[in-house]
Structure formats: C-alpha cells, structure tokens
Amino acid sequence: MTDARFTLYHAPRSRSIRPRWALEEMGLDYRLERVAFTHGDVGGPSYREVNPLQKIPAFMDGDAVILESVAILEYLVNKYGPTPLAVLPDEPEYPRYLEWLHFGEGTMTTPVNMLLGHTWLLPEEHRIEAMARWGRREADRHLNMISERGLKHSDYLAGDRFTAADISVGYMLFLLKLLRVLDDAPGPVQAYWKRITAREAWIKASAD
C-alpha cells in the first residue's frame, strides 16, 4: 500500500467514506491516511497544509488534490473507468444519475447537518429544538423523495445498477441511520439501505 498512486485522508463516519467506497468498488490501490478528529484542530498543522479548512476528506492523485467527496467520486469514475459506477452521457439514465449524484450532498446536506448538530454534535446548551424538528421533517421529506422518485422503478437510483449516485446518497442514509431516523423510513428505502450495505466494498469502507 505504501506505493499506492492515491492517498485518501480519512476519519471514521466522515464523508471520506464516499471515495473510500468507490476506490474499493473499483479495485484501485490507495493509501489511507487516518486523520485525528480533534475538536477545533482536525489533523493538526500538517493536515491544514493539505486542507486549509481541516475538513474530511482530502484526496491526492500525484499533484492533484481534491477536497469535495462527490467531486472525488466523479474524478475517479470518469478518469479511471470504464466502471459500472458511472452512467455515461449516451445512456438514457444519465440525467437521473447526475440528479441523484448531487442530491446526496447538494440537497440532503442542510437538513441532515441541522439534525446532526442539534441532536448530537453541538453541546446541549447550544442545541435548538426547533432546528432539530425542522431537520427531522426535512429528512423525512427527502426519504420519501428517494422512495417515490428514486426507487419507484428500480433497485438503484440510476442506470438499473449500483452507481456513484448510490454512494453519494448512501452516505447520507448512513448518517440518518446513526441518528435512528432511517428506522422510520419508507420500506423501499430500508430495503435499499440493506441492499447497498451488503456490498463488500461498503463493509470495507465503513469498517472503522
């Protein structure tokens, strides 16, 4: 592993699970750099040189450094394919693929983060119950959207197969699972969660 082309900076439960999952699915060799999640100084000064915001993940391919988890997914499947994880522009499901690939971060992040912050991450004296309730309502709406629009005609979100879009959305379901919100999700979403987390690559990517 020390001679691996790619380096992924990783912390448990963080968004680095997404690129790690993709790397495992694609069978790409990579070096995992574990980052200490110290409150207020994630990774310390050395990691700050890689990511000035000290957020996880960071991904390196030679001189290229990418800090956004979904951007890393796109980079890997587009540059190091062909791979079934990508739905190509000439496939009918390409628009759906793009929509769900970005839904996982662009649409789901705000309510999930509000729910995380105001039920778990923030000190109790800083939590706002109204924000937690809003986050829960919005999370439930998003889960219904996945059930009714995403999984209505297929076991996966796009292309009739497991793709990077499922990795993107799957990570947010993981956070909702930690919050026990997924326990109340519609049946198709719960079945989908079991299906994607039975994959060997998920088990490796989320092992810690």
N, C-alpha and C. Protein backbone atom coordinates (compact mmCIF):
# COMPACT_ATOMS: atom_id res chain seq x y z
N MET A 1 0.81 -1.21 0.00
CA MET A 1 0.00 0.00 0.00
C MET A 1 0.85 1.27 0.00
N THR A 2 2.08 1.20 0.43
CA THR A 2 2.90 2.39 0.53
C THR A 2 3.22 2.98 -0.84
N ASP A 3 3.16 2.16 -1.90
CA ASP A 3 3.45 2.64 -3.25
C ASP A 3 2.18 2.98 -4.01
N ALA A 4 1.05 3.06 -3.33
CA ALA A 4 -0.22 3.33 -3.99
C ALA A 4 -0.20 4.69 -4.65
N ARG A 5 -0.88 4.78 -5.78
CA ARG A 5 -0.95 6.04 -6.52
C ARG A 5 -1.75 7.09 -5.77
N PHE A 6 -2.83 6.66 -5.13
CA PHE A 6 -3.76 7.58 -4.49
C PHE A 6 -3.56 7.61 -2.98
N THR A 7 -3.82 8.78 -2.40
CA THR A 7 -3.85 8.92 -0.95
C THR A 7 -5.20 9.50 -0.55
N LEU A 8 -5.85 8.86 0.40
CA LEU A 8 -7.13 9.36 0.90
C LEU A 8 -6.98 9.65 2.39
N TYR A 9 -7.26 10.90 2.75
CA TYR A 9 -7.26 11.31 4.15
C TYR A 9 -8.65 11.02 4.71
N HIS A 10 -8.68 10.26 5.80
CA HIS A 10 -9.91 9.63 6.24
C HIS A 10 -10.10 9.75 7.75
N ALA A 11 -11.36 9.89 8.15
CA ALA A 11 -11.74 9.78 9.56
C ALA A 11 -13.04 8.99 9.62
N PRO A 12 -13.23 8.18 10.65
CA PRO A 12 -14.45 7.37 10.75
C PRO A 12 -15.72 8.22 10.69
N ARG A 13 -16.73 7.69 10.00
CA ARG A 13 -18.06 8.28 9.90
C ARG A 13 -18.09 9.55 9.04
N SER A 14 -16.96 9.97 8.54
CA SER A 14 -16.92 11.22 7.77
C SER A 14 -17.19 10.95 6.29
N ARG A 15 -17.23 12.03 5.51
CA ARG A 15 -17.51 11.93 4.08
C ARG A 15 -16.40 11.22 3.31
N SER A 16 -15.29 10.95 3.93
CA SER A 16 -14.25 10.17 3.26
C SER A 16 -14.70 8.74 2.98
N ILE A 17 -15.78 8.32 3.63
CA ILE A 17 -16.35 7.00 3.32
C ILE A 17 -16.75 6.93 1.85
N ARG A 18 -17.25 8.03 1.30
CA ARG A 18 -17.69 8.01 -0.10
C ARG A 18 -16.55 7.63 -1.05
N PRO A 19 -15.44 8.39 -1.09
CA PRO A 19 -14.37 7.99 -2.01
C PRO A 19 -13.74 6.65 -1.66
N ARG A 20 -13.69 6.33 -0.37
CA ARG A 20 -13.14 5.02 0.01
C ARG A 20 -14.01 3.90 -0.55
N TRP A 21 -15.31 4.09 -0.49
CA TRP A 21 -16.25 3.11 -1.03
C TRP A 21 -16.02 2.94 -2.54
N ALA A 22 -15.89 4.06 -3.25
CA ALA A 22 -15.65 4.00 -4.70
C ALA A 22 -14.33 3.32 -5.03
N LEU A 23 -13.28 3.65 -4.28
CA LEU A 23 -11.98 3.03 -4.51
C LEU A 23 -12.06 1.52 -4.33
N GLU A 24 -12.79 1.09 -3.31
CA GLU A 24 -12.95 -0.34 -3.08
C GLU A 24 -13.78 -1.00 -4.18
N GLU A 25 -14.85 -0.34 -4.59
CA GLU A 25 -15.68 -0.88 -5.67
C GLU A 25 -14.87 -1.04 -6.96
N MET A 26 -13.99 -0.09 -7.24
CA MET A 26 -13.23 -0.10 -8.49
C MET A 26 -11.95 -0.93 -8.39
N GLY A 27 -11.61 -1.39 -7.19
CA GLY A 27 -10.40 -2.19 -7.02
C GLY A 27 -9.12 -1.39 -7.22
N LEU A 28 -9.17 -0.10 -6.89
CA LEU A 28 -8.00 0.76 -7.05
C LEU A 28 -7.17 0.76 -5.76
N ASP A 29 -5.88 0.67 -5.92
CA ASP A 29 -4.98 0.66 -4.78
C ASP A 29 -4.85 2.08 -4.22
N TYR A 30 -4.89 2.23 -2.92
CA TYR A 30 -4.78 3.56 -2.32
C TYR A 30 -4.16 3.44 -0.94
N ARG A 31 -3.62 4.56 -0.50
CA ARG A 31 -3.05 4.65 0.85
C ARG A 31 -4.02 5.45 1.71
N LEU A 32 -4.34 4.92 2.86
CA LEU A 32 -5.27 5.57 3.76
C LEU A 32 -4.49 6.32 4.84
N GLU A 33 -4.67 7.61 4.88
CA GLU A 33 -4.06 8.45 5.93
C GLU A 33 -5.14 8.79 6.94
N ARG A 34 -5.05 8.22 8.12
CA ARG A 34 -6.07 8.46 9.13
C ARG A 34 -5.81 9.81 9.81
N VAL A 35 -6.85 10.62 9.88
CA VAL A 35 -6.75 11.97 10.41
C VAL A 35 -7.40 12.01 11.78
N ALA A 36 -6.67 12.51 12.76
CA ALA A 36 -7.22 12.63 14.12
C ALA A 36 -8.28 13.72 14.13
N PHE A 37 -9.48 13.36 14.56
CA PHE A 37 -10.60 14.30 14.56
C PHE A 37 -10.63 15.07 15.87
N THR A 38 -9.61 15.89 16.10
CA THR A 38 -9.51 16.68 17.32
C THR A 38 -10.35 17.93 17.17
N HIS A 39 -11.25 18.17 18.11
CA HIS A 39 -12.16 19.31 18.03
C HIS A 39 -11.37 20.61 17.90
N GLY A 40 -11.67 21.36 16.84
CA GLY A 40 -11.05 22.65 16.65
C GLY A 40 -9.72 22.61 15.92
N ASP A 41 -9.13 21.45 15.75
CA ASP A 41 -7.84 21.37 15.07
C ASP A 41 -7.71 19.99 14.41
N VAL A 42 -8.62 19.70 13.48
CA VAL A 42 -8.66 18.38 12.84
C VAL A 42 -7.36 18.13 12.08
N GLY A 43 -6.66 17.07 12.48
CA GLY A 43 -5.45 16.68 11.79
C GLY A 43 -4.21 17.49 12.14
N GLY A 44 -4.39 18.59 12.85
CA GLY A 44 -3.25 19.41 13.24
C GLY A 44 -2.65 20.19 12.09
N PRO A 45 -1.51 20.84 12.32
CA PRO A 45 -0.88 21.70 11.31
C PRO A 45 -0.54 20.98 10.00
N SER A 46 -0.14 19.72 10.09
CA SER A 46 0.26 19.02 8.86
C SER A 46 -0.94 18.82 7.93
N TYR A 47 -2.11 18.52 8.51
CA TYR A 47 -3.28 18.35 7.66
C TYR A 47 -3.79 19.69 7.16
N ARG A 48 -3.59 20.74 7.92
CA ARG A 48 -4.01 22.07 7.49
C ARG A 48 -3.32 22.47 6.19
N GLU A 49 -2.12 21.96 5.97
CA GLU A 49 -1.40 22.25 4.72
C GLU A 49 -2.07 21.55 3.54
N VAL A 50 -2.73 20.45 3.79
CA VAL A 50 -3.44 19.73 2.73
C VAL A 50 -4.81 20.36 2.49
N ASN A 51 -5.55 20.59 3.58
CA ASN A 51 -6.87 21.19 3.50
C ASN A 51 -6.95 22.32 4.52
N PRO A 52 -6.85 23.56 4.06
CA PRO A 52 -6.86 24.70 4.99
C PRO A 52 -8.10 24.76 5.87
N LEU A 53 -9.22 24.20 5.42
CA LEU A 53 -10.43 24.19 6.24
C LEU A 53 -10.43 23.06 7.26
N GLN A 54 -9.47 22.13 7.12
CA GLN A 54 -9.33 20.98 8.02
C GLN A 54 -10.62 20.16 8.09
N LYS A 55 -11.23 19.99 6.92
CA LYS A 55 -12.39 19.12 6.80
C LYS A 55 -11.97 17.83 6.11
N ILE A 56 -12.78 16.79 6.28
CA ILE A 56 -12.53 15.49 5.70
C ILE A 56 -13.57 15.27 4.59
N PRO A 57 -13.14 14.74 3.42
CA PRO A 57 -11.85 14.13 3.11
C PRO A 57 -10.91 15.10 2.39
N ALA A 58 -9.73 14.57 2.11
CA ALA A 58 -8.84 15.12 1.10
C ALA A 58 -8.31 13.92 0.31
N PHE A 59 -8.16 14.13 -0.97
CA PHE A 59 -7.74 13.04 -1.86
C PHE A 59 -6.61 13.55 -2.74
N MET A 60 -5.57 12.74 -2.88
CA MET A 60 -4.42 13.13 -3.68
C MET A 60 -4.15 12.10 -4.77
N ASP A 61 -3.97 12.61 -5.97
CA ASP A 61 -3.54 11.80 -7.11
C ASP A 61 -2.37 12.55 -7.72
N GLY A 62 -1.15 12.16 -7.33
CA GLY A 62 0.01 12.93 -7.74
C GLY A 62 -0.05 14.32 -7.17
N ASP A 63 0.00 15.33 -8.05
CA ASP A 63 -0.06 16.72 -7.61
C ASP A 63 -1.49 17.23 -7.47
N ALA A 64 -2.44 16.44 -7.92
CA ALA A 64 -3.84 16.86 -7.84
C ALA A 64 -4.39 16.60 -6.45
N VAL A 65 -5.04 17.61 -5.87
CA VAL A 65 -5.68 17.48 -4.57
C VAL A 65 -7.14 17.88 -4.71
N ILE A 66 -8.05 16.99 -4.27
CA ILE A 66 -9.48 17.26 -4.34
C ILE A 66 -10.05 17.11 -2.93
N LEU A 67 -10.89 18.08 -2.54
CA LEU A 67 -11.37 18.13 -1.16
C LEU A 67 -12.86 17.82 -1.03
N GLU A 68 -13.59 17.78 -2.13
CA GLU A 68 -15.03 17.53 -2.08
C GLU A 68 -15.32 16.06 -2.38
N SER A 69 -16.09 15.41 -1.52
CA SER A 69 -16.27 13.96 -1.64
C SER A 69 -16.95 13.55 -2.94
N VAL A 70 -17.99 14.28 -3.36
CA VAL A 70 -18.68 13.91 -4.60
C VAL A 70 -17.81 14.24 -5.81
N ALA A 71 -17.03 15.31 -5.73
CA ALA A 71 -16.09 15.61 -6.81
C ALA A 71 -15.06 14.49 -6.95
N ILE A 72 -14.63 13.91 -5.84
CA ILE A 72 -13.70 12.78 -5.89
C ILE A 72 -14.36 11.59 -6.58
N LEU A 73 -15.63 11.35 -6.27
CA LEU A 73 -16.35 10.27 -6.96
C LEU A 73 -16.33 10.49 -8.47
N GLU A 74 -16.70 11.70 -8.90
CA GLU A 74 -16.73 11.99 -10.33
C GLU A 74 -15.35 11.83 -10.95
N TYR A 75 -14.34 12.30 -10.26
CA TYR A 75 -12.97 12.21 -10.76
C TYR A 75 -12.58 10.75 -10.96
N LEU A 76 -12.84 9.93 -9.99
CA LEU A 76 -12.43 8.52 -10.07
C LEU A 76 -13.15 7.78 -11.19
N VAL A 77 -14.48 7.92 -11.25
CA VAL A 77 -15.21 7.13 -12.24
C VAL A 77 -14.98 7.64 -13.65
N ASN A 78 -14.72 8.94 -13.81
CA ASN A 78 -14.51 9.49 -15.14
C ASN A 78 -13.08 9.29 -15.64
N LYS A 79 -12.12 9.39 -14.73
CA LYS A 79 -10.72 9.31 -15.15
C LYS A 79 -10.18 7.88 -15.13
N TYR A 80 -10.68 7.06 -14.22
CA TYR A 80 -10.09 5.73 -14.04
C TYR A 80 -11.08 4.60 -14.37
N GLY A 81 -12.12 4.94 -15.14
CA GLY A 81 -13.01 3.91 -15.68
C GLY A 81 -12.38 3.26 -16.90
N PRO A 82 -13.18 2.53 -17.67
CA PRO A 82 -14.63 2.42 -17.50
C PRO A 82 -15.01 1.63 -16.26
N THR A 83 -16.13 2.01 -15.68
CA THR A 83 -16.64 1.34 -14.49
C THR A 83 -18.15 1.40 -14.49
N PRO A 84 -18.81 0.36 -14.02
CA PRO A 84 -20.28 0.40 -13.90
C PRO A 84 -20.77 1.49 -12.95
N LEU A 85 -19.88 2.03 -12.14
CA LEU A 85 -20.28 3.09 -11.21
C LEU A 85 -20.69 4.37 -11.92
N ALA A 86 -20.27 4.55 -13.16
CA ALA A 86 -20.61 5.75 -13.92
C ALA A 86 -21.71 5.43 -14.92
N VAL A 87 -22.68 6.33 -15.01
CA VAL A 87 -23.66 6.28 -16.09
C VAL A 87 -23.21 7.31 -17.11
N LEU A 88 -23.02 6.88 -18.34
CA LEU A 88 -22.39 7.71 -19.36
C LEU A 88 -23.42 8.60 -20.07
N PRO A 89 -22.95 9.70 -20.67
CA PRO A 89 -23.87 10.64 -21.32
C PRO A 89 -24.75 10.04 -22.40
N ASP A 90 -24.31 8.95 -23.02
CA ASP A 90 -25.13 8.36 -24.07
C ASP A 90 -26.13 7.34 -23.54
N GLU A 91 -26.18 7.14 -22.22
CA GLU A 91 -27.16 6.25 -21.61
C GLU A 91 -28.42 7.03 -21.26
N PRO A 92 -29.59 6.42 -21.45
CA PRO A 92 -30.85 7.13 -21.16
C PRO A 92 -30.96 7.63 -19.72
N GLU A 93 -30.33 6.91 -18.78
CA GLU A 93 -30.46 7.26 -17.36
C GLU A 93 -29.46 8.32 -16.90
N TYR A 94 -28.69 8.87 -17.83
CA TYR A 94 -27.66 9.86 -17.45
C TYR A 94 -28.23 11.04 -16.66
N PRO A 95 -29.36 11.64 -17.08
CA PRO A 95 -29.89 12.76 -16.28
C PRO A 95 -30.23 12.36 -14.85
N ARG A 96 -30.85 11.18 -14.68
CA ARG A 96 -31.18 10.71 -13.34
C ARG A 96 -29.91 10.50 -12.52
N TYR A 97 -28.90 9.96 -13.15
CA TYR A 97 -27.63 9.72 -12.47
C TYR A 97 -27.05 11.02 -11.92
N LEU A 98 -27.01 12.04 -12.76
CA LEU A 98 -26.47 13.33 -12.31
C LEU A 98 -27.32 13.90 -11.18
N GLU A 99 -28.63 13.80 -11.33
CA GLU A 99 -29.52 14.35 -10.30
C GLU A 99 -29.27 13.70 -8.93
N TRP A 100 -29.21 12.37 -8.89
CA TRP A 100 -29.04 11.69 -7.61
C TRP A 100 -27.62 11.77 -7.10
N LEU A 101 -26.65 11.82 -8.00
CA LEU A 101 -25.26 12.00 -7.57
C LEU A 101 -25.11 13.27 -6.74
N HIS A 102 -25.78 14.34 -7.19
CA HIS A 102 -25.65 15.62 -6.49
C HIS A 102 -26.72 15.82 -5.42
N PHE A 103 -27.80 15.07 -5.49
CA PHE A 103 -28.83 15.12 -4.46
C PHE A 103 -28.25 14.74 -3.10
N GLY A 104 -27.36 13.74 -3.10
CA GLY A 104 -26.80 13.24 -1.85
C GLY A 104 -26.07 14.29 -1.05
N GLU A 105 -25.45 15.23 -1.72
CA GLU A 105 -24.72 16.28 -1.00
C GLU A 105 -25.44 17.62 -1.12
N GLY A 106 -25.77 18.01 -2.35
CA GLY A 106 -26.33 19.34 -2.55
C GLY A 106 -27.69 19.53 -1.91
N THR A 107 -28.54 18.50 -1.89
CA THR A 107 -29.89 18.65 -1.37
C THR A 107 -30.04 18.14 0.06
N MET A 108 -29.40 17.03 0.37
CA MET A 108 -29.61 16.41 1.68
C MET A 108 -28.77 17.00 2.80
N THR A 109 -27.71 17.69 2.46
CA THR A 109 -26.76 18.12 3.49
C THR A 109 -27.37 19.03 4.55
N THR A 110 -28.12 20.03 4.13
CA THR A 110 -28.61 21.01 5.11
C THR A 110 -29.50 20.39 6.18
N PRO A 111 -30.56 19.65 5.82
CA PRO A 111 -31.38 19.08 6.89
C PRO A 111 -30.65 18.04 7.73
N VAL A 112 -29.81 17.23 7.09
CA VAL A 112 -29.08 16.21 7.86
C VAL A 112 -28.10 16.88 8.82
N ASN A 113 -27.42 17.92 8.36
CA ASN A 113 -26.48 18.62 9.23
C ASN A 113 -27.19 19.32 10.38
N MET A 114 -28.35 19.90 10.10
CA MET A 114 -29.11 20.54 11.18
C MET A 114 -29.53 19.50 12.22
N LEU A 115 -29.97 18.36 11.74
CA LEU A 115 -30.38 17.29 12.64
C LEU A 115 -29.19 16.77 13.45
N LEU A 116 -28.07 16.57 12.77
CA LEU A 116 -26.86 16.12 13.47
C LEU A 116 -26.43 17.12 14.53
N GLY A 117 -26.37 18.38 14.12
CA GLY A 117 -25.87 19.40 15.03
C GLY A 117 -26.71 19.57 16.26
N HIS A 118 -28.03 19.59 16.06
CA HIS A 118 -28.92 19.95 17.16
C HIS A 118 -29.48 18.75 17.92
N THR A 119 -28.98 17.55 17.60
CA THR A 119 -29.33 16.38 18.41
C THR A 119 -28.11 15.62 18.91
N TRP A 120 -26.93 15.95 18.35
CA TRP A 120 -25.77 15.10 18.63
C TRP A 120 -24.46 15.88 18.76
N LEU A 121 -24.11 16.66 17.75
CA LEU A 121 -22.77 17.24 17.71
C LEU A 121 -22.57 18.43 18.64
N LEU A 122 -23.53 19.32 18.69
CA LEU A 122 -23.37 20.53 19.50
C LEU A 122 -23.53 20.24 20.99
N PRO A 123 -22.84 20.99 21.84
CA PRO A 123 -23.11 20.87 23.28
C PRO A 123 -24.59 21.15 23.54
N GLU A 124 -25.14 20.49 24.55
CA GLU A 124 -26.58 20.58 24.78
C GLU A 124 -27.07 22.02 24.93
N GLU A 125 -26.24 22.87 25.54
CA GLU A 125 -26.70 24.25 25.76
C GLU A 125 -26.78 25.05 24.46
N HIS A 126 -26.18 24.53 23.38
CA HIS A 126 -26.21 25.23 22.10
C HIS A 126 -27.23 24.61 21.12
N ARG A 127 -27.88 23.55 21.53
CA ARG A 127 -28.84 22.91 20.64
C ARG A 127 -30.17 23.67 20.65
N ILE A 128 -30.79 23.74 19.47
CA ILE A 128 -32.07 24.42 19.33
C ILE A 128 -33.10 23.39 18.90
N GLU A 129 -34.06 23.15 19.74
CA GLU A 129 -35.04 22.09 19.49
C GLU A 129 -35.80 22.33 18.19
N ALA A 130 -36.12 23.59 17.90
CA ALA A 130 -36.87 23.90 16.68
C ALA A 130 -36.06 23.53 15.44
N MET A 131 -34.74 23.73 15.48
CA MET A 131 -33.90 23.36 14.34
C MET A 131 -33.84 21.85 14.17
N ALA A 132 -33.80 21.12 15.29
CA ALA A 132 -33.80 19.66 15.23
C ALA A 132 -35.11 19.15 14.62
N ARG A 133 -36.24 19.77 15.03
CA ARG A 133 -37.53 19.36 14.48
C ARG A 133 -37.61 19.65 12.98
N TRP A 134 -37.10 20.82 12.59
CA TRP A 134 -37.09 21.16 11.16
C TRP A 134 -36.24 20.16 10.38
N GLY A 135 -35.06 19.86 10.91
CA GLY A 135 -34.18 18.90 10.25
C GLY A 135 -34.84 17.55 10.09
N ARG A 136 -35.56 17.12 11.11
CA ARG A 136 -36.24 15.82 11.04
C ARG A 136 -37.36 15.83 10.00
N ARG A 137 -38.13 16.91 9.98
CA ARG A 137 -39.21 16.99 8.98
C ARG A 137 -38.64 16.96 7.57
N GLU A 138 -37.58 17.72 7.35
CA GLU A 138 -36.98 17.76 6.02
C GLU A 138 -36.33 16.43 5.66
N ALA A 139 -35.69 15.79 6.62
CA ALA A 139 -35.09 14.48 6.36
C ALA A 139 -36.15 13.48 5.95
N ASP A 140 -37.29 13.51 6.63
CA ASP A 140 -38.38 12.61 6.27
C ASP A 140 -38.88 12.89 4.86
N ARG A 141 -38.97 14.16 4.48
CA ARG A 141 -39.38 14.51 3.12
C ARG A 141 -38.39 13.97 2.10
N HIS A 142 -37.11 14.07 2.41
CA HIS A 142 -36.09 13.59 1.49
C HIS A 142 -36.14 12.07 1.36
N LEU A 143 -36.39 11.38 2.45
CA LEU A 143 -36.51 9.92 2.39
C LEU A 143 -37.71 9.51 1.55
N ASN A 144 -38.81 10.25 1.67
CA ASN A 144 -39.98 9.98 0.83
C ASN A 144 -39.66 10.23 -0.64
N MET A 145 -38.88 11.26 -0.91
CA MET A 145 -38.47 11.55 -2.29
C MET A 145 -37.65 10.40 -2.87
N ILE A 146 -36.73 9.88 -2.09
CA ILE A 146 -35.92 8.75 -2.54
C ILE A 146 -36.81 7.55 -2.83
N SER A 147 -37.77 7.30 -1.96
CA SER A 147 -38.66 6.17 -2.13
C SER A 147 -39.55 6.32 -3.35
N GLU A 148 -40.17 7.50 -3.50
CA GLU A 148 -41.20 7.68 -4.52
C GLU A 148 -40.63 8.04 -5.89
N ARG A 149 -39.53 8.75 -5.92
CA ARG A 149 -38.95 9.15 -7.20
C ARG A 149 -37.73 8.31 -7.57
N GLY A 150 -36.90 8.00 -6.57
CA GLY A 150 -35.64 7.32 -6.87
C GLY A 150 -35.76 5.83 -7.04
N LEU A 151 -36.61 5.19 -6.22
CA LEU A 151 -36.65 3.73 -6.18
C LEU A 151 -37.97 3.16 -6.70
N LYS A 152 -38.77 3.97 -7.34
CA LYS A 152 -40.09 3.53 -7.77
C LYS A 152 -40.02 2.40 -8.80
N HIS A 153 -39.03 2.47 -9.70
CA HIS A 153 -38.98 1.50 -10.79
C HIS A 153 -37.70 0.67 -10.82
N SER A 154 -36.86 0.81 -9.81
CA SER A 154 -35.57 0.12 -9.86
C SER A 154 -35.04 -0.11 -8.44
N ASP A 155 -34.13 -1.07 -8.32
CA ASP A 155 -33.49 -1.33 -7.03
C ASP A 155 -32.44 -0.28 -6.71
N TYR A 156 -32.02 0.50 -7.71
CA TYR A 156 -30.98 1.52 -7.53
C TYR A 156 -31.47 2.84 -8.11
N LEU A 157 -30.72 3.89 -7.89
CA LEU A 157 -31.19 5.23 -8.22
C LEU A 157 -31.08 5.57 -9.70
N ALA A 158 -30.16 4.95 -10.42
CA ALA A 158 -29.98 5.30 -11.83
C ALA A 158 -29.29 4.16 -12.57
N GLY A 159 -29.64 4.00 -13.84
CA GLY A 159 -28.94 3.06 -14.68
C GLY A 159 -29.25 1.61 -14.42
N ASP A 160 -30.23 1.32 -13.56
CA ASP A 160 -30.60 -0.06 -13.25
C ASP A 160 -29.44 -0.85 -12.66
N ARG A 161 -28.53 -0.15 -11.98
CA ARG A 161 -27.38 -0.81 -11.36
C ARG A 161 -26.84 0.09 -10.26
N PHE A 162 -25.97 -0.46 -9.43
CA PHE A 162 -25.30 0.33 -8.39
C PHE A 162 -24.30 1.27 -9.03
N THR A 163 -24.40 2.57 -8.68
CA THR A 163 -23.52 3.57 -9.28
C THR A 163 -22.99 4.53 -8.20
N ALA A 164 -22.20 5.49 -8.66
CA ALA A 164 -21.69 6.52 -7.75
C ALA A 164 -22.82 7.32 -7.12
N ALA A 165 -23.97 7.41 -7.79
CA ALA A 165 -25.12 8.10 -7.21
C ALA A 165 -25.58 7.40 -5.94
N ASP A 166 -25.51 6.08 -5.93
CA ASP A 166 -25.89 5.33 -4.73
C ASP A 166 -24.88 5.53 -3.61
N ILE A 167 -23.62 5.71 -3.96
CA ILE A 167 -22.60 6.01 -2.95
C ILE A 167 -22.87 7.38 -2.34
N SER A 168 -23.19 8.34 -3.18
CA SER A 168 -23.45 9.70 -2.70
C SER A 168 -24.63 9.73 -1.73
N VAL A 169 -25.75 9.18 -2.14
CA VAL A 169 -26.95 9.17 -1.30
C VAL A 169 -26.77 8.19 -0.13
N GLY A 170 -26.12 7.06 -0.39
CA GLY A 170 -25.93 6.06 0.65
C GLY A 170 -25.22 6.58 1.87
N TYR A 171 -24.26 7.48 1.68
CA TYR A 171 -23.56 8.03 2.84
C TYR A 171 -24.51 8.84 3.71
N MET A 172 -25.42 9.61 3.09
CA MET A 172 -26.36 10.39 3.89
C MET A 172 -27.34 9.49 4.62
N LEU A 173 -27.69 8.37 4.01
CA LEU A 173 -28.53 7.41 4.72
C LEU A 173 -27.79 6.83 5.92
N PHE A 174 -26.49 6.66 5.77
CA PHE A 174 -25.66 6.19 6.88
C PHE A 174 -25.75 7.15 8.07
N LEU A 175 -25.67 8.45 7.80
CA LEU A 175 -25.79 9.43 8.88
C LEU A 175 -27.18 9.36 9.51
N LEU A 176 -28.20 9.22 8.69
CA LEU A 176 -29.56 9.11 9.23
C LEU A 176 -29.75 7.81 10.00
N LYS A 177 -29.02 6.78 9.61
CA LYS A 177 -29.06 5.53 10.37
C LYS A 177 -28.45 5.74 11.75
N LEU A 178 -27.34 6.47 11.82
CA LEU A 178 -26.73 6.76 13.12
C LEU A 178 -27.69 7.53 14.02
N LEU A 179 -28.51 8.38 13.41
CA LEU A 179 -29.47 9.18 14.16
C LEU A 179 -30.78 8.45 14.41
N ARG A 180 -30.88 7.21 13.94
CA ARG A 180 -32.06 6.37 14.09
C ARG A 180 -33.27 6.91 13.35
N VAL A 181 -33.04 7.80 12.41
CA VAL A 181 -34.13 8.31 11.57
C VAL A 181 -34.49 7.29 10.50
N LEU A 182 -33.49 6.55 10.04
CA LEU A 182 -33.72 5.59 8.97
C LEU A 182 -34.66 4.46 9.41
N ASP A 183 -34.76 4.25 10.71
CA ASP A 183 -35.66 3.21 11.22
C ASP A 183 -37.12 3.49 10.85
N ASP A 184 -37.44 4.76 10.62
CA ASP A 184 -38.81 5.14 10.27
C ASP A 184 -38.98 5.45 8.79
N ALA A 185 -37.96 5.15 8.00
CA ALA A 185 -38.00 5.44 6.56
C ALA A 185 -38.99 4.53 5.86
N PRO A 186 -39.48 4.93 4.68
CA PRO A 186 -40.36 4.05 3.90
C PRO A 186 -39.69 2.71 3.61
N GLY A 187 -40.52 1.68 3.46
CA GLY A 187 -40.00 0.33 3.24
C GLY A 187 -39.00 0.22 2.10
N PRO A 188 -39.25 0.84 0.93
CA PRO A 188 -38.28 0.74 -0.16
C PRO A 188 -36.91 1.31 0.19
N VAL A 189 -36.88 2.36 1.01
CA VAL A 189 -35.59 2.95 1.40
C VAL A 189 -34.86 2.01 2.37
N GLN A 190 -35.59 1.42 3.29
CA GLN A 190 -34.95 0.48 4.21
C GLN A 190 -34.39 -0.74 3.48
N ALA A 191 -35.14 -1.24 2.50
CA ALA A 191 -34.67 -2.38 1.70
C ALA A 191 -33.45 -1.98 0.88
N TYR A 192 -33.48 -0.77 0.34
CA TYR A 192 -32.35 -0.23 -0.44
C TYR A 192 -31.09 -0.12 0.43
N TRP A 193 -31.27 0.40 1.64
CA TRP A 193 -30.14 0.51 2.57
C TRP A 193 -29.51 -0.84 2.84
N LYS A 194 -30.32 -1.84 3.09
CA LYS A 194 -29.79 -3.18 3.34
C LYS A 194 -29.07 -3.73 2.11
N ARG A 195 -29.60 -3.42 0.94
CA ARG A 195 -29.02 -3.91 -0.30
C ARG A 195 -27.64 -3.30 -0.55
N ILE A 196 -27.52 -1.99 -0.41
CA ILE A 196 -26.23 -1.37 -0.74
C ILE A 196 -25.18 -1.62 0.35
N THR A 197 -25.62 -1.81 1.59
CA THR A 197 -24.64 -2.04 2.65
C THR A 197 -24.25 -3.51 2.79
N ALA A 198 -24.85 -4.36 1.98
CA ALA A 198 -24.40 -5.76 1.93
C ALA A 198 -23.20 -5.92 1.01
N ARG A 199 -22.86 -4.88 0.28
CA ARG A 199 -21.75 -4.94 -0.67
C ARG A 199 -20.42 -4.99 0.08
N GLU A 200 -19.50 -5.80 -0.42
CA GLU A 200 -18.20 -5.96 0.23
C GLU A 200 -17.46 -4.64 0.33
N ALA A 201 -17.57 -3.81 -0.71
CA ALA A 201 -16.85 -2.53 -0.71
C ALA A 201 -17.35 -1.62 0.41
N TRP A 202 -18.67 -1.62 0.66
CA TRP A 202 -19.20 -0.82 1.78
C TRP A 202 -18.65 -1.33 3.10
N ILE A 203 -18.64 -2.63 3.27
CA ILE A 203 -18.18 -3.20 4.54
C ILE A 203 -16.74 -2.80 4.81
N LYS A 204 -15.90 -2.78 3.78
CA LYS A 204 -14.51 -2.36 3.94
C LYS A 204 -14.41 -0.86 4.19
N ALA A 205 -15.19 -0.09 3.45
CA ALA A 205 -15.09 1.37 3.55
C ALA A 205 -15.57 1.90 4.89
N SER A 206 -16.50 1.18 5.52
CA SER A 206 -17.09 1.65 6.77
C SER A 206 -16.61 0.83 7.98
N ALA A 207 -15.55 0.07 7.79
CA ALA A 207 -15.13 -0.89 8.82
C ALA A 207 -14.79 -0.20 10.14
N ASP A 208 -14.29 1.02 10.10
CA ASP A 208 -13.93 1.70 11.35
C ASP A 208 -14.94 2.77 11.71
